[in-house]
């Protein structure tokens, strides 16, 4: 099974593009949130690429009324 075959809801980390589609938040908004919170527990840097830790970000989203 290739990485492309793994359903997005089963992935540990998501690219900004994948997270944008999954969480229905704009790519620019996600990128800005990540850049403003570089030490947040839901961010993983792979070189200079931002990865979103899906489950950790879901927990943050669950506590918010707006983003």
C-alpha atoms as a PDB file:
ATOM      1  CA  UNK A   1       0.000   0.000   0.000  1.00  0.00           C
ATOM      2  CA  UNK A   2       1.498   3.348  -1.020  1.00  0.00           C
ATOM      3  CA  UNK A   3       1.141   6.555   0.985  1.00  0.00           C
ATOM      4  CA  UNK A   4      -1.416   7.752  -1.567  1.00  0.00           C
ATOM      5  CA  UNK A   5      -3.602   4.736  -0.721  1.00  0.00           C
ATOM      6  CA  UNK A   6      -3.806   5.592   2.997  1.00  0.00           C
ATOM      7  CA  UNK A   7      -7.089   7.352   3.752  1.00  0.00           C
ATOM      8  CA  UNK A   8      -6.532  10.896   4.988  1.00  0.00           C
ATOM      9  CA  UNK A   9      -8.366  10.185   8.273  1.00  0.00           C
ATOM     10  CA  UNK A  10      -5.840   7.441   9.071  1.00  0.00           C
ATOM     11  CA  UNK A  11      -2.700   9.497   8.434  1.00  0.00           C
ATOM     12  CA  UNK A  12      -0.670  10.673  11.431  1.00  0.00           C
ATOM     13  CA  UNK A  13       0.468  13.884   9.725  1.00  0.00           C
ATOM     14  CA  UNK A  14      -1.111  15.890   6.946  1.00  0.00           C
ATOM     15  CA  UNK A  15       0.384  18.370   4.538  1.00  0.00           C
ATOM     16  CA  UNK A  16      -1.074  21.874   4.575  1.00  0.00           C
ATOM     17  CA  UNK A  17      -2.999  20.958   1.427  1.00  0.00           C
ATOM     18  CA  UNK A  18      -4.424  17.750   2.933  1.00  0.00           C
ATOM     19  CA  UNK A  19      -5.267  19.459   6.239  1.00  0.00           C
ATOM     20  CA  UNK A  20      -7.015  22.271   4.383  1.00  0.00           C
ATOM     21  CA  UNK A  21      -9.325  19.800   2.666  1.00  0.00           C
ATOM     22  CA  UNK A  22      -9.813  17.618   5.759  1.00  0.00           C
ATOM     23  CA  UNK A  23     -10.568  20.447   8.204  1.00  0.00           C
ATOM     24  CA  UNK A  24     -12.145  22.787   5.609  1.00  0.00           C
ATOM     25  CA  UNK A  25      -9.804  25.601   6.577  1.00  0.00           C
ATOM     26  CA  UNK A  26      -8.000  27.634   3.932  1.00  0.00           C
ATOM     27  CA  UNK A  27      -4.387  26.767   3.165  1.00  0.00           C
ATOM     28  CA  UNK A  28      -3.262  30.344   3.848  1.00  0.00           C
ATOM     29  CA  UNK A  29      -5.033  30.330   7.225  1.00  0.00           C
ATOM     30  CA  UNK A  30      -3.414  27.018   8.225  1.00  0.00           C
ATOM     31  CA  UNK A  31       0.006  28.182   7.091  1.00  0.00           C
ATOM     32  CA  UNK A  32      -0.406  31.433   9.057  1.00  0.00           C
ATOM     33  CA  UNK A  33      -1.516  29.551  12.200  1.00  0.00           C
ATOM     34  CA  UNK A  34       1.490  27.246  11.916  1.00  0.00           C
ATOM     35  CA  UNK A  35       3.952  30.081  11.314  1.00  0.00           C
ATOM     36  CA  UNK A  36       2.552  32.073  14.262  1.00  0.00           C
ATOM     37  CA  UNK A  37       2.742  29.024  16.571  1.00  0.00           C
ATOM     38  CA  UNK A  38       6.003  27.244  15.629  1.00  0.00           C
ATOM     39  CA  UNK A  39       6.238  25.374  18.944  1.00  0.00           C
ATOM     40  CA  UNK A  40       2.616  24.192  18.980  1.00  0.00           C
ATOM     41  CA  UNK A  41       2.169  20.491  19.658  1.00  0.00           C
ATOM     42  CA  UNK A  42       0.192  20.001  16.458  1.00  0.00           C
ATOM     43  CA  UNK A  43       3.007  21.068  14.115  1.00  0.00           C
ATOM     44  CA  UNK A  44       5.786  18.881  12.756  1.00  0.00           C
ATOM     45  CA  UNK A  45       8.463  20.286  10.473  1.00  0.00           C
ATOM     46  CA  UNK A  46       9.827  17.974   7.809  1.00  0.00           C
ATOM     47  CA  UNK A  47      12.742  20.076   6.626  1.00  0.00           C
ATOM     48  CA  UNK A  48      11.002  23.317   5.745  1.00  0.00           C
ATOM     49  CA  UNK A  49       7.653  21.638   5.032  1.00  0.00           C
ATOM     50  CA  UNK A  50       4.945  22.068   7.642  1.00  0.00           C
ATOM     51  CA  UNK A  51       3.061  18.928   8.610  1.00  0.00           C
ATOM     52  CA  UNK A  52      -0.072  19.012  10.759  1.00  0.00           C
ATOM     53  CA  UNK A  53      -0.415  16.280  13.396  1.00  0.00           C
ATOM     54  CA  UNK A  54      -3.999  15.343  12.625  1.00  0.00           C
ATOM     55  CA  UNK A  55      -5.211  14.034  15.996  1.00  0.00           C
ATOM     56  CA  UNK A  56      -3.541  16.814  17.992  1.00  0.00           C
ATOM     57  CA  UNK A  57      -5.015  19.469  15.702  1.00  0.00           C
ATOM     58  CA  UNK A  58      -8.457  17.828  15.951  1.00  0.00           C
ATOM     59  CA  UNK A  59      -8.274  18.259  19.750  1.00  0.00           C
ATOM     60  CA  UNK A  60      -7.471  21.980  19.317  1.00  0.00           C
ATOM     61  CA  UNK A  61     -10.294  22.436  16.792  1.00  0.00           C
ATOM     62  CA  UNK A  62     -12.760  20.745  19.177  1.00  0.00           C
ATOM     63  CA  UNK A  63     -12.156  23.493  21.771  1.00  0.00           C
ATOM     64  CA  UNK A  64     -12.740  26.426  19.383  1.00  0.00           C
ATOM     65  CA  UNK A  65     -15.892  28.273  18.372  1.00  0.00           C
ATOM     66  CA  UNK A  66     -14.184  30.106  15.501  1.00  0.00           C
ATOM     67  CA  UNK A  67     -10.845  30.070  13.741  1.00  0.00           C
END
